[in-house]
C-alpha cells in the first residue's frame, strides 16, 4: 500500500508490520488524512484478537487473506498498517460511497475473528429504558 514505511517493515503481503519492540511514530502522525487532490480520506480499524500470539505460519495466512482483500480494493485503499503488537489493522480509503462498509465487511469475511472498532454512538450504544 502507498505510504512512507518510516520505521516499519513492508512484508511480502504489502502490509506494513509493526516491529513489536521498536517505538513507532503514532499512527495519527503517519496516516494520511487527505488525498493528493486535497480530498479528505476516510479510515477504519479492525481488531484481530490474539493475532500476535499465533504461530508465524498462521499469522502469515491471516495477513495473506487481508492482503488479498486489500488488493481487490486497491483502487480505494490509500494506506494500510497492520500492527501486530496491538493486533490492529488500520485502513485509510478514498471517500467513495459505501467503501468503508464494503471493505470492512470483506475483511471480516476473510478473517472472521476480526472486529470493526467503532466509537460508541446511537447505533452501538445500549439503551437502558430505566435510566
Protein backbone atom coordinates (compact mmCIF):
# COMPACT_ATOMS: atom_id res chain seq x y z
CA UNK A 1 0.00 0.00 0.00
CA UNK A 2 1.21 3.54 -0.61
CA UNK A 3 2.90 5.45 2.17
CA UNK A 4 6.34 6.01 3.62
CA UNK A 5 7.42 2.95 5.60
CA UNK A 6 9.48 5.01 8.05
CA UNK A 7 10.48 2.66 10.86
CA UNK A 8 8.15 -0.05 9.57
CA UNK A 9 8.92 -3.11 7.51
CA UNK A 10 6.91 -3.95 4.44
CA UNK A 11 6.26 -7.67 4.37
CA UNK A 12 5.71 -9.80 1.28
CA UNK A 13 1.98 -9.18 1.64
CA UNK A 14 2.20 -5.43 1.07
CA UNK A 15 1.00 -4.70 4.60
CA UNK A 16 3.31 -2.78 6.84
CA UNK A 17 4.01 -4.69 10.01
CA UNK A 18 4.94 -3.07 13.28
CA UNK A 19 8.10 -4.24 14.93
CA UNK A 20 6.71 -5.24 18.30
CA UNK A 21 9.66 -3.92 20.32
CA UNK A 22 10.55 -0.80 18.34
CA UNK A 23 9.00 2.52 19.23
CA UNK A 24 6.98 3.81 16.32
CA UNK A 25 5.62 7.15 15.30
CA UNK A 26 1.97 7.19 16.37
CA UNK A 27 -0.50 6.36 13.62
CA UNK A 28 -2.19 9.73 13.92
CA UNK A 29 1.12 11.26 12.77
CA UNK A 30 1.70 8.80 9.89
CA UNK A 31 -1.74 8.15 8.49
CA UNK A 32 -2.62 10.34 5.52
CA UNK A 33 -5.71 12.47 6.10
CA UNK A 34 -6.04 13.91 2.59
CA UNK A 35 -5.61 12.58 -0.93
CA UNK A 36 -3.17 14.25 -3.31
CA UNK A 37 -6.00 16.47 -4.57
CA UNK A 38 -6.83 17.63 -1.03
CA UNK A 39 -9.93 15.46 -0.61
CA UNK A 40 -10.43 14.18 2.93
CA UNK A 41 -9.84 10.44 3.35
CA UNK A 42 -11.90 8.04 5.44
CA UNK A 43 -10.47 5.35 7.70
CA UNK A 44 -11.40 2.50 9.97
CA UNK A 45 -9.73 -0.01 12.26
CA UNK A 46 -10.16 -3.74 12.69
CA UNK A 47 -9.10 -5.53 15.86
CA UNK A 48 -7.88 -9.08 15.26
CA UNK A 49 -7.83 -10.64 18.74
CA UNK A 50 -4.80 -12.80 19.51
CA UNK A 51 -3.06 -12.22 16.17
CA UNK A 52 0.34 -11.51 17.73
CA UNK A 53 0.27 -14.77 19.74
CA UNK A 54 -0.42 -17.02 16.76
CA UNK A 55 2.35 -19.10 15.21
CA UNK A 56 4.21 -17.44 12.33
CA UNK A 57 2.62 -19.61 9.63
CA UNK A 58 -0.88 -18.85 10.92
CA UNK A 59 -0.10 -15.12 11.10
CA UNK A 60 1.16 -15.28 7.51
CA UNK A 61 -2.07 -16.97 6.33
CA UNK A 62 -4.19 -14.30 8.02
CA UNK A 63 -2.06 -11.48 6.60
CA UNK A 64 -2.27 -13.09 3.18
CA UNK A 65 -6.08 -13.13 3.35
CA UNK A 66 -6.16 -9.49 4.47
CA UNK A 67 -3.79 -8.50 1.69
CA UNK A 68 -5.89 -10.29 -0.93
CA UNK A 69 -8.93 -8.24 0.08
CA UNK A 70 -6.92 -5.01 0.18
CA UNK A 71 -5.54 -5.74 -3.29
CA UNK A 72 -9.05 -6.30 -4.70
CA UNK A 73 -9.94 -2.84 -3.34
CA UNK A 74 -6.64 -1.17 -4.17
CA UNK A 75 -8.49 1.47 -6.21
CA UNK A 76 -9.84 2.76 -2.89
CA UNK A 77 -7.12 1.89 -0.36
CA UNK A 78 -4.60 4.64 0.27
CA UNK A 79 -2.93 3.29 3.42
CA UNK A 80 -2.99 0.05 5.40
CA UNK A 81 -1.00 -0.73 8.52
CA UNK A 82 -1.14 -3.98 10.46
CA UNK A 83 0.26 -3.52 13.96
CA UNK A 84 0.99 -6.96 15.39
CA UNK A 85 1.76 -5.58 18.84
CA UNK A 86 -1.75 -4.13 19.05
CA UNK A 87 -3.50 -6.78 16.88
CA UNK A 88 -4.85 -3.87 14.85
CA UNK A 89 -5.35 -3.20 11.15
CA UNK A 90 -5.79 0.46 10.18
CA UNK A 91 -7.09 1.20 6.69
CA UNK A 92 -7.44 4.62 5.04
CA UNK A 93 -9.54 4.86 1.89
CA UNK A 94 -10.63 7.34 -0.72
CA UNK A 95 -14.08 8.83 0.01
CA UNK A 96 -16.13 6.54 -2.22
CA UNK A 97 -19.78 5.85 -1.35
CA UNK A 98 -20.08 2.74 0.82
CA UNK A 99 -16.40 1.79 0.62
CA UNK A 100 -15.82 1.59 4.39
CA UNK A 101 -18.73 -0.79 4.91
CA UNK A 102 -17.89 -2.83 1.81
CA UNK A 103 -14.19 -3.15 2.57
CA UNK A 104 -14.63 -3.75 6.30
CA UNK A 105 -17.22 -6.41 5.52
CA UNK A 106 -14.91 -8.10 3.01
CA UNK A 107 -12.01 -8.07 5.51
CA UNK A 108 -14.20 -9.59 8.25
CA UNK A 109 -15.47 -12.21 5.79
CA UNK A 110 -11.83 -13.13 5.05
CA UNK A 111 -10.83 -13.11 8.73
CA UNK A 112 -14.00 -13.84 10.73
CA UNK A 113 -12.37 -13.19 14.10
CA UNK A 114 -11.68 -9.56 13.09
CA UNK A 115 -13.88 -6.95 14.75
CA UNK A 116 -14.60 -3.45 13.49
CA UNK A 117 -13.55 -0.81 16.02
CA UNK A 118 -16.22 1.87 16.20
CA UNK A 119 -16.94 4.73 18.56
CA UNK A 120 -19.92 4.35 20.80
CA UNK A 121 -22.87 6.10 19.25
CA UNK A 122 -26.59 5.68 18.70
CA UNK A 123 -26.07 2.58 16.55
CA UNK A 124 -23.70 0.89 19.02
CA UNK A 125 -24.89 2.18 22.41
CA UNK A 126 -27.09 0.02 24.59
CA UNK A 127 -30.03 1.99 25.83
CA UNK A 128 -31.29 1.50 29.34
CA UNK A 129 -35.03 2.11 29.39
CA UNK A 130 -35.00 2.60 33.13
CA UNK A 131 -32.23 5.19 33.31
